[in-house]
Amino acid sequence: MDFEFLEGKRLTEDVALDETMVWNEDIEMLDLHLVATSALIGVVHRVSYELLSRYLPSDYTAVVVESLVRHVKAVSTGTRVAVGVRVIGVVGNRVKFRGIVMSGDEKILEAEFVRAIVPREKLRRLALEKAEKTSRLFGI
């Protein structure tokens, strides 16, 4: 399939950052209610999936295979942010995105990442094969 038509597509969503996103690696810092980098990039990845899902055939999905993130400013839970993604390149089944999280006019996070578009059935088959190999390894 040819996915070059995706280049230039974009989507922006308003997102509320909640307590499930809190940075919890340093227990002494929990009372600051800062949002974890992993939670922010998860939101960016989700918005990119929502964008792609509008254009993909129903028997295809898109998985993140590469991600570069710059968390440039702390943000607290309870904040509403704008999450924007844009397709900046397509090579074969790989779609490259640029993403940004903004709180007002302040940049919180920026990212570049790649999603691979794959048939759902192929992904299922690979996952099942991997699970079977793991089960045999443990004698299950």
N, C-alpha and C. Protein backbone atom coordinates (compact mmCIF):
# COMPACT_ATOMS: atom_id res chain seq x y z
N MET A 1 0.83 -1.18 0.00
CA MET A 1 0.00 0.00 0.00
C MET A 1 0.88 1.25 0.00
N ASP A 2 0.35 2.31 -0.57
CA ASP A 2 1.05 3.59 -0.63
C ASP A 2 0.46 4.54 0.41
N PHE A 3 1.30 5.00 1.33
CA PHE A 3 0.83 5.87 2.41
C PHE A 3 1.35 7.30 2.29
N GLU A 4 1.95 7.65 1.17
CA GLU A 4 2.52 8.99 1.01
C GLU A 4 1.48 10.09 1.14
N PHE A 5 0.22 9.78 0.87
CA PHE A 5 -0.84 10.78 0.99
C PHE A 5 -0.98 11.31 2.42
N LEU A 6 -0.39 10.61 3.40
CA LEU A 6 -0.48 11.02 4.80
C LEU A 6 0.40 12.23 5.12
N GLU A 7 1.42 12.46 4.29
CA GLU A 7 2.35 13.55 4.58
C GLU A 7 1.60 14.89 4.67
N GLY A 8 1.91 15.63 5.74
CA GLY A 8 1.27 16.93 5.97
C GLY A 8 0.01 16.87 6.81
N LYS A 9 -0.55 15.68 7.02
CA LYS A 9 -1.76 15.57 7.85
C LYS A 9 -1.40 15.96 9.28
N ARG A 10 -2.36 16.57 9.98
CA ARG A 10 -2.10 17.03 11.35
C ARG A 10 -3.37 16.93 12.18
N LEU A 11 -3.15 16.89 13.50
CA LEU A 11 -4.26 16.84 14.45
C LEU A 11 -3.80 17.49 15.74
N THR A 12 -4.69 18.31 16.33
CA THR A 12 -4.43 18.91 17.64
C THR A 12 -5.61 18.60 18.54
N GLU A 13 -5.31 18.20 19.78
CA GLU A 13 -6.35 17.90 20.76
C GLU A 13 -6.04 18.63 22.07
N ASP A 14 -7.10 19.00 22.76
CA ASP A 14 -7.01 19.58 24.10
C ASP A 14 -7.08 18.41 25.09
N VAL A 15 -6.12 18.32 25.99
CA VAL A 15 -6.03 17.17 26.90
C VAL A 15 -5.87 17.66 28.34
N ALA A 16 -6.63 17.06 29.25
CA ALA A 16 -6.50 17.34 30.69
C ALA A 16 -5.50 16.33 31.27
N LEU A 17 -4.49 16.83 31.94
CA LEU A 17 -3.48 15.97 32.57
C LEU A 17 -3.95 15.63 33.98
N ASP A 18 -4.16 14.34 34.25
CA ASP A 18 -4.73 13.95 35.53
C ASP A 18 -3.72 13.21 36.41
N GLU A 19 -4.17 12.83 37.60
CA GLU A 19 -3.29 12.19 38.60
C GLU A 19 -2.73 10.84 38.15
N THR A 20 -3.37 10.18 37.19
CA THR A 20 -2.82 8.91 36.70
C THR A 20 -1.51 9.13 35.96
N MET A 21 -1.21 10.37 35.62
CA MET A 21 -0.02 10.70 34.84
C MET A 21 1.14 11.19 35.71
N VAL A 22 0.98 11.17 37.02
CA VAL A 22 1.96 11.76 37.92
C VAL A 22 3.30 11.03 37.86
N TRP A 23 4.37 11.81 37.96
CA TRP A 23 5.72 11.27 38.02
C TRP A 23 5.91 10.67 39.41
N ASN A 24 6.16 9.36 39.46
CA ASN A 24 6.21 8.68 40.76
C ASN A 24 7.52 7.94 41.01
N GLU A 25 8.55 8.23 40.27
CA GLU A 25 9.83 7.56 40.47
C GLU A 25 10.52 8.01 41.75
N ASP A 26 10.35 9.25 42.11
CA ASP A 26 10.97 9.80 43.31
C ASP A 26 9.85 10.10 44.31
N ILE A 27 9.65 9.21 45.27
CA ILE A 27 8.54 9.31 46.22
C ILE A 27 8.53 10.66 46.94
N GLU A 28 9.70 11.20 47.24
CA GLU A 28 9.76 12.48 47.95
C GLU A 28 9.23 13.64 47.12
N MET A 29 9.10 13.46 45.82
CA MET A 29 8.65 14.54 44.93
C MET A 29 7.17 14.39 44.55
N LEU A 30 6.51 13.35 45.03
CA LEU A 30 5.11 13.10 44.66
C LEU A 30 4.19 14.27 44.97
N ASP A 31 4.45 14.96 46.08
CA ASP A 31 3.55 16.05 46.47
C ASP A 31 3.58 17.24 45.51
N LEU A 32 4.52 17.24 44.56
CA LEU A 32 4.56 18.30 43.54
C LEU A 32 3.56 18.05 42.41
N HIS A 33 3.09 16.81 42.29
CA HIS A 33 2.09 16.44 41.27
C HIS A 33 2.56 16.79 39.86
N LEU A 34 3.82 16.48 39.57
CA LEU A 34 4.36 16.72 38.23
C LEU A 34 3.99 15.58 37.31
N VAL A 35 3.74 15.90 36.05
CA VAL A 35 3.37 14.88 35.07
C VAL A 35 4.65 14.22 34.54
N ALA A 36 4.62 12.90 34.44
CA ALA A 36 5.76 12.12 33.97
C ALA A 36 5.96 12.30 32.47
N THR A 37 7.22 12.29 32.07
CA THR A 37 7.56 12.36 30.65
C THR A 37 6.89 11.22 29.89
N SER A 38 6.92 10.02 30.47
CA SER A 38 6.32 8.86 29.80
C SER A 38 4.82 9.06 29.57
N ALA A 39 4.15 9.72 30.51
CA ALA A 39 2.72 9.98 30.33
C ALA A 39 2.48 10.98 29.21
N LEU A 40 3.31 12.01 29.15
CA LEU A 40 3.16 13.01 28.08
C LEU A 40 3.40 12.41 26.71
N ILE A 41 4.46 11.60 26.58
CA ILE A 41 4.72 11.01 25.26
C ILE A 41 3.64 10.00 24.92
N GLY A 42 3.07 9.35 25.93
CA GLY A 42 1.94 8.46 25.68
C GLY A 42 0.76 9.19 25.07
N VAL A 43 0.50 10.40 25.55
CA VAL A 43 -0.60 11.20 25.00
C VAL A 43 -0.28 11.61 23.56
N VAL A 44 0.96 12.01 23.31
CA VAL A 44 1.36 12.39 21.94
C VAL A 44 1.20 11.19 21.01
N HIS A 45 1.66 10.03 21.43
CA HIS A 45 1.52 8.82 20.61
C HIS A 45 0.05 8.51 20.35
N ARG A 46 -0.80 8.66 21.37
CA ARG A 46 -2.23 8.38 21.21
C ARG A 46 -2.87 9.31 20.18
N VAL A 47 -2.52 10.58 20.23
CA VAL A 47 -3.08 11.53 19.26
C VAL A 47 -2.62 11.17 17.85
N SER A 48 -1.38 10.73 17.70
CA SER A 48 -0.91 10.32 16.37
C SER A 48 -1.67 9.10 15.87
N TYR A 49 -1.98 8.17 16.79
CA TYR A 49 -2.76 7.00 16.39
C TYR A 49 -4.17 7.41 15.96
N GLU A 50 -4.76 8.34 16.70
CA GLU A 50 -6.09 8.82 16.32
C GLU A 50 -6.07 9.44 14.94
N LEU A 51 -5.02 10.19 14.63
CA LEU A 51 -4.90 10.78 13.30
C LEU A 51 -4.80 9.69 12.24
N LEU A 52 -3.89 8.74 12.43
CA LEU A 52 -3.71 7.69 11.43
C LEU A 52 -4.94 6.82 11.27
N SER A 53 -5.63 6.53 12.36
CA SER A 53 -6.78 5.62 12.29
C SER A 53 -7.88 6.15 11.39
N ARG A 54 -7.89 7.44 11.12
CA ARG A 54 -8.88 8.02 10.20
C ARG A 54 -8.63 7.60 8.76
N TYR A 55 -7.39 7.21 8.47
CA TYR A 55 -7.00 6.96 7.08
C TYR A 55 -6.62 5.52 6.79
N LEU A 56 -6.40 4.71 7.83
CA LEU A 56 -5.94 3.34 7.61
C LEU A 56 -7.10 2.41 7.29
N PRO A 57 -6.86 1.41 6.42
CA PRO A 57 -7.88 0.37 6.23
C PRO A 57 -8.13 -0.33 7.56
N SER A 58 -9.31 -0.87 7.75
CA SER A 58 -9.69 -1.47 9.04
C SER A 58 -8.83 -2.67 9.43
N ASP A 59 -8.16 -3.29 8.47
CA ASP A 59 -7.33 -4.45 8.80
C ASP A 59 -5.86 -4.07 9.04
N TYR A 60 -5.59 -2.77 9.22
CA TYR A 60 -4.24 -2.30 9.50
C TYR A 60 -4.21 -1.54 10.82
N THR A 61 -3.03 -1.51 11.43
CA THR A 61 -2.80 -0.70 12.62
C THR A 61 -1.43 -0.04 12.48
N ALA A 62 -1.06 0.79 13.45
CA ALA A 62 0.23 1.48 13.38
C ALA A 62 0.88 1.44 14.76
N VAL A 63 2.12 0.97 14.80
CA VAL A 63 2.83 0.82 16.07
C VAL A 63 4.05 1.75 16.10
N VAL A 64 4.33 2.31 17.27
CA VAL A 64 5.51 3.17 17.42
C VAL A 64 6.75 2.28 17.42
N VAL A 65 7.72 2.62 16.57
CA VAL A 65 8.96 1.85 16.49
C VAL A 65 10.19 2.67 16.84
N GLU A 66 10.02 3.98 16.96
CA GLU A 66 11.15 4.86 17.29
C GLU A 66 10.58 6.14 17.88
N SER A 67 11.26 6.69 18.90
CA SER A 67 10.76 7.91 19.52
C SER A 67 11.92 8.69 20.15
N LEU A 68 11.98 9.98 19.85
CA LEU A 68 12.95 10.89 20.43
C LEU A 68 12.17 12.00 21.11
N VAL A 69 12.40 12.20 22.42
CA VAL A 69 11.59 13.12 23.21
C VAL A 69 12.47 14.14 23.90
N ARG A 70 12.00 15.39 23.93
CA ARG A 70 12.64 16.44 24.70
C ARG A 70 11.59 17.03 25.63
N HIS A 71 11.71 16.75 26.91
CA HIS A 71 10.78 17.29 27.92
C HIS A 71 11.43 18.59 28.39
N VAL A 72 10.89 19.73 27.96
CA VAL A 72 11.58 21.00 28.17
C VAL A 72 11.06 21.82 29.35
N LYS A 73 9.89 21.48 29.88
CA LYS A 73 9.34 22.26 31.00
C LYS A 73 8.42 21.36 31.82
N ALA A 74 8.51 21.50 33.13
CA ALA A 74 7.64 20.73 34.03
C ALA A 74 6.20 21.24 33.93
N VAL A 75 5.26 20.33 34.15
CA VAL A 75 3.84 20.68 34.15
C VAL A 75 3.16 19.85 35.23
N SER A 76 2.19 20.44 35.89
CA SER A 76 1.48 19.77 36.99
C SER A 76 0.23 19.08 36.51
N THR A 77 -0.18 18.05 37.26
CA THR A 77 -1.46 17.43 36.98
C THR A 77 -2.55 18.48 37.19
N GLY A 78 -3.66 18.30 36.51
CA GLY A 78 -4.74 19.27 36.58
C GLY A 78 -4.66 20.34 35.50
N THR A 79 -3.54 20.37 34.78
CA THR A 79 -3.34 21.34 33.71
C THR A 79 -3.98 20.84 32.42
N ARG A 80 -4.54 21.75 31.64
CA ARG A 80 -5.02 21.43 30.29
C ARG A 80 -3.94 21.84 29.31
N VAL A 81 -3.63 20.96 28.37
CA VAL A 81 -2.59 21.24 27.38
C VAL A 81 -3.12 20.98 25.98
N ALA A 82 -2.46 21.58 25.01
CA ALA A 82 -2.74 21.30 23.60
C ALA A 82 -1.68 20.32 23.12
N VAL A 83 -2.13 19.23 22.50
CA VAL A 83 -1.23 18.21 21.98
C VAL A 83 -1.40 18.20 20.46
N GLY A 84 -0.32 18.50 19.76
CA GLY A 84 -0.39 18.53 18.30
C GLY A 84 0.59 17.56 17.68
N VAL A 85 0.16 16.93 16.59
CA VAL A 85 1.03 16.04 15.83
C VAL A 85 0.88 16.36 14.35
N ARG A 86 1.98 16.15 13.62
CA ARG A 86 1.97 16.37 12.18
C ARG A 86 2.84 15.32 11.52
N VAL A 87 2.37 14.77 10.40
CA VAL A 87 3.16 13.81 9.63
C VAL A 87 4.18 14.62 8.83
N ILE A 88 5.47 14.32 9.06
CA ILE A 88 6.53 15.07 8.38
C ILE A 88 7.26 14.24 7.33
N GLY A 89 6.92 12.96 7.23
CA GLY A 89 7.55 12.13 6.22
C GLY A 89 6.95 10.74 6.19
N VAL A 90 7.00 10.13 5.01
CA VAL A 90 6.52 8.76 4.84
C VAL A 90 7.50 8.04 3.92
N VAL A 91 8.01 6.90 4.39
CA VAL A 91 8.86 6.05 3.57
C VAL A 91 8.33 4.63 3.71
N GLY A 92 7.77 4.10 2.64
CA GLY A 92 7.18 2.77 2.69
C GLY A 92 6.04 2.74 3.68
N ASN A 93 6.14 1.84 4.66
CA ASN A 93 5.08 1.73 5.68
C ASN A 93 5.42 2.51 6.95
N ARG A 94 6.48 3.31 6.91
CA ARG A 94 6.91 4.08 8.10
C ARG A 94 6.50 5.53 7.97
N VAL A 95 5.82 6.00 9.01
CA VAL A 95 5.29 7.37 9.03
C VAL A 95 6.01 8.13 10.13
N LYS A 96 6.68 9.22 9.76
CA LYS A 96 7.42 10.02 10.74
C LYS A 96 6.57 11.21 11.16
N PHE A 97 6.53 11.43 12.48
CA PHE A 97 5.73 12.50 13.08
C PHE A 97 6.61 13.49 13.82
N ARG A 98 6.12 14.70 13.91
CA ARG A 98 6.63 15.67 14.87
C ARG A 98 5.46 15.97 15.80
N GLY A 99 5.72 15.97 17.10
CA GLY A 99 4.66 16.23 18.08
C GLY A 99 5.09 17.30 19.06
N ILE A 100 4.11 17.97 19.64
CA ILE A 100 4.39 19.03 20.60
C ILE A 100 3.27 19.07 21.63
N VAL A 101 3.65 19.39 22.87
CA VAL A 101 2.69 19.62 23.95
C VAL A 101 2.90 21.05 24.42
N MET A 102 1.82 21.83 24.43
CA MET A 102 1.88 23.24 24.82
C MET A 102 0.91 23.51 25.95
N SER A 103 1.34 24.35 26.89
CA SER A 103 0.45 24.87 27.93
C SER A 103 0.41 26.37 27.73
N GLY A 104 -0.68 26.86 27.14
CA GLY A 104 -0.72 28.26 26.74
C GLY A 104 0.33 28.49 25.67
N ASP A 105 1.22 29.45 25.90
CA ASP A 105 2.29 29.70 24.92
C ASP A 105 3.62 29.07 25.33
N GLU A 106 3.58 28.19 26.34
CA GLU A 106 4.80 27.54 26.81
C GLU A 106 4.90 26.12 26.27
N LYS A 107 6.07 25.82 25.68
CA LYS A 107 6.33 24.47 25.19
C LYS A 107 6.68 23.58 26.37
N ILE A 108 6.00 22.45 26.48
CA ILE A 108 6.24 21.49 27.56
C ILE A 108 7.10 20.33 27.05
N LEU A 109 6.76 19.83 25.87
CA LEU A 109 7.45 18.65 25.33
C LEU A 109 7.42 18.73 23.82
N GLU A 110 8.50 18.25 23.20
CA GLU A 110 8.53 18.10 21.75
C GLU A 110 9.08 16.72 21.44
N ALA A 111 8.64 16.16 20.33
CA ALA A 111 9.03 14.79 20.00
C ALA A 111 9.06 14.59 18.50
N GLU A 112 9.90 13.67 18.08
CA GLU A 112 9.85 13.12 16.73
C GLU A 112 9.80 11.62 16.90
N PHE A 113 8.92 10.99 16.14
CA PHE A 113 8.77 9.55 16.28
C PHE A 113 8.25 8.94 15.00
N VAL A 114 8.40 7.62 14.91
CA VAL A 114 8.01 6.87 13.72
C VAL A 114 7.03 5.78 14.11
N ARG A 115 5.98 5.67 13.33
CA ARG A 115 5.04 4.56 13.45
C ARG A 115 5.15 3.70 12.20
N ALA A 116 5.12 2.38 12.39
CA ALA A 116 5.09 1.45 11.27
C ALA A 116 3.65 0.99 11.08
N ILE A 117 3.18 1.06 9.85
CA ILE A 117 1.83 0.60 9.52
C ILE A 117 1.93 -0.86 9.14
N VAL A 118 1.19 -1.71 9.85
CA VAL A 118 1.27 -3.15 9.65
C VAL A 118 -0.13 -3.76 9.65
N PRO A 119 -0.28 -4.89 8.95
CA PRO A 119 -1.57 -5.59 9.01
C PRO A 119 -1.82 -6.11 10.44
N ARG A 120 -3.04 -5.93 10.92
CA ARG A 120 -3.39 -6.40 12.26
C ARG A 120 -3.13 -7.90 12.42
N GLU A 121 -3.49 -8.67 11.39
CA GLU A 121 -3.35 -10.13 11.48
C GLU A 121 -1.88 -10.53 11.62
N LYS A 122 -1.00 -9.84 10.92
CA LYS A 122 0.43 -10.14 11.02
C LYS A 122 0.92 -9.85 12.44
N LEU A 123 0.50 -8.74 13.01
CA LEU A 123 0.89 -8.40 14.38
C LEU A 123 0.37 -9.43 15.37
N ARG A 124 -0.88 -9.86 15.20
CA ARG A 124 -1.45 -10.90 16.08
C ARG A 124 -0.64 -12.19 15.99
N ARG A 125 -0.34 -12.59 14.75
CA ARG A 125 0.40 -13.84 14.53
C ARG A 125 1.78 -13.77 15.20
N LEU A 126 2.48 -12.65 15.02
CA LEU A 126 3.80 -12.50 15.64
C LEU A 126 3.72 -12.53 17.16
N ALA A 127 2.71 -11.88 17.72
CA ALA A 127 2.53 -11.86 19.18
C ALA A 127 2.24 -13.26 19.71
N LEU A 128 1.38 -14.01 19.01
CA LEU A 128 1.06 -15.38 19.44
C LEU A 128 2.28 -16.29 19.35
N GLU A 129 3.04 -16.17 18.27
CA GLU A 129 4.25 -16.98 18.13
C GLU A 129 5.23 -16.69 19.27
N LYS A 130 5.38 -15.43 19.60
CA LYS A 130 6.28 -15.04 20.69
C LYS A 130 5.79 -15.61 22.02
N ALA A 131 4.47 -15.53 22.27
CA ALA A 131 3.90 -16.07 23.51
C ALA A 131 4.10 -17.57 23.60
N GLU A 132 3.93 -18.27 22.48
CA GLU A 132 4.12 -19.72 22.47
C GLU A 132 5.56 -20.09 22.79
N LYS A 133 6.51 -19.37 22.21
CA LYS A 133 7.93 -19.63 22.48
C LYS A 133 8.25 -19.40 23.95
N THR A 134 7.71 -18.34 24.52
CA THR A 134 7.94 -18.04 25.94
C THR A 134 7.34 -19.12 26.83
N SER A 135 6.13 -19.58 26.50
CA SER A 135 5.48 -20.64 27.28
C SER A 135 6.31 -21.91 27.27
N ARG A 136 6.82 -22.27 26.10
CA ARG A 136 7.64 -23.48 26.00
C ARG A 136 8.93 -23.34 26.79
N LEU A 137 9.48 -22.13 26.80
CA LEU A 137 10.72 -21.87 27.53
C LEU A 137 10.53 -22.14 29.02
N PHE A 138 9.36 -21.79 29.54
CA PHE A 138 9.07 -21.99 30.96
C PHE A 138 8.34 -23.30 31.24
N GLY A 139 8.19 -24.15 30.23
CA GLY A 139 7.56 -25.45 30.41
C GLY A 139 6.07 -25.39 30.68
N ILE A 140 5.43 -24.36 30.19
CA ILE A 140 3.98 -24.21 30.41
C ILE A 140 3.22 -24.87 29.29
